Structures are given as C-alpha cells and as structure tokens.
Protein backbone atom coordinates (compact mmCIF):
# COMPACT_ATOMS: atom_id res chain seq x y z
CA MET A 1 98.85 93.32 92.85
CA TYR A 2 97.57 92.80 96.18
CA LYS A 3 100.23 95.09 97.87
CA THR A 4 100.04 97.75 95.59
CA ALA A 5 96.08 97.96 95.72
CA LEU A 6 96.65 97.85 99.46
CA ILE A 7 99.29 100.79 99.56
CA LEU A 8 97.02 102.70 97.72
CA ALA A 9 94.19 102.05 99.57
CA ALA A 10 96.01 102.96 102.57
CA VAL A 11 97.02 106.14 100.77
CA GLY A 12 93.71 107.31 100.16
CA ALA A 13 92.57 106.43 103.78
CA LEU A 14 95.61 108.52 104.72
CA ASN A 15 94.65 111.50 102.73
CA TRP A 16 90.95 111.17 104.04
CA GLY A 17 92.47 111.36 107.67
CA LEU A 18 94.32 114.63 106.73
CA VAL A 19 91.35 116.29 105.48
CA ALA A 20 89.08 114.97 108.56
CA LEU A 21 91.68 116.02 111.30
CA PHE A 22 93.27 119.12 109.66
CA SER A 23 91.25 119.87 106.53
CA PHE A 24 94.36 119.52 104.50
CA ASN A 25 94.01 117.42 101.28
CA LEU A 26 97.62 116.21 100.00
CA VAL A 27 96.33 115.00 96.64
CA THR A 28 95.03 118.74 95.91
CA PHE A 29 97.78 120.09 97.50
CA LEU A 30 100.32 118.39 95.37
CA PHE A 31 98.14 118.22 91.76
CA GLY A 32 95.75 121.31 92.05
CA ILE A 33 91.86 121.22 92.38
CA ASP A 34 90.16 119.40 89.78
CA SER A 35 93.26 118.62 87.42
CA ILE A 36 93.70 115.25 85.42
CA LEU A 37 95.99 114.50 88.00
CA THR A 38 94.25 114.87 90.83
CA ASN A 39 91.23 112.92 89.45
CA ALA A 40 93.85 110.07 87.97
CA VAL A 41 94.89 109.70 91.71
CA TYR A 42 91.06 109.27 93.63
CA LEU A 43 90.43 106.68 90.88
CA ALA A 44 93.57 104.83 91.11
CA VAL A 45 92.77 104.81 94.84
CA ALA A 46 89.13 103.65 94.46
CA LEU A 47 89.97 101.15 91.67
CA ALA A 48 92.89 99.88 94.24
CA ALA A 49 90.54 99.69 97.06
CA VAL A 50 88.08 97.40 95.35
CA ALA A 51 90.42 95.20 93.94
CA ALA A 52 91.59 94.82 97.49
CA VAL A 53 88.33 94.08 99.05
CA ALA A 54 87.69 91.61 95.92
CA ILE A 55 90.81 89.77 96.25
CA GLU A 56 90.69 89.56 99.93
CA PHE A 57 87.45 88.01 99.66
CA THR A 58 87.67 85.61 96.87
CA PRO A 59 87.74 81.88 97.75
CA THR A 60 91.24 80.72 97.41
CA ASN A 61 92.03 77.64 95.82
CA VAL A 62 91.91 74.79 98.32
CA ALA A 63 94.59 72.64 96.62
CA SER A 64 96.95 75.45 97.07
CA THR A 65 96.06 76.02 100.60
CA LYS A 66 97.64 72.72 102.14
CA THR A 67 99.37 73.04 105.48
CA THR A 68 102.83 72.13 105.76
CA ARG A 69 101.89 68.94 107.60
CA GLN A 70 99.64 68.16 104.85
CA ALA A 71 102.01 68.97 102.07
CA THR A 72 104.93 66.77 103.74
CA ASN A 73 102.68 63.74 104.90
CA GLU A 74 103.41 63.93 108.29
CA PRO A 75 100.79 62.58 110.96
CA ALA A 76 98.69 64.99 112.81
CA HIS A 77 100.15 63.55 116.50
CA SER A 78 103.84 62.44 116.12
CA ARG A 79 105.17 61.11 118.87
CA TYR A 80 108.27 62.64 120.89
C-alpha cells in the first residue's frame, strides 16, 4: 500500500509540475474538465498523499526493527 500511495502522490506532484512549467494539466487533458474521472483522480492522489505521510510518520513496532546483529545475537565488537 505504501508504494502505491507514493506512486500516486508522485503522479500528482508531476502533474502540478506540468501545470506550473507549461500550463498543461495532464489529468484534465486525459479525462476532461470537471468530469467524474478527473475528480476521482484528484481525490485518489490526495488520499494517497495523506496515506503516504501517515505511514511515513507512524512509529514502527520496536520488536520488528531489530538489526541483523541483534537478531542473530552477534556481539557488538567481534574479533578478527
């Protein structure tokens, strides 16, 4: 889900870049002005951006983020 959210957010960002640089809105070009599909794309991009931010800033489970050294019980300083 996270990758999908990031991809949709990136698509939205690229569309805004096209609007800023070339006054070209790819979404309205593909789906028409004020169509249901255009609004659905805008809504999907907005929800994806919110989801990506929420996922990124959600604290992770400490138990699931053990390093390889901790998981294998290797000493912090091994002798060579």
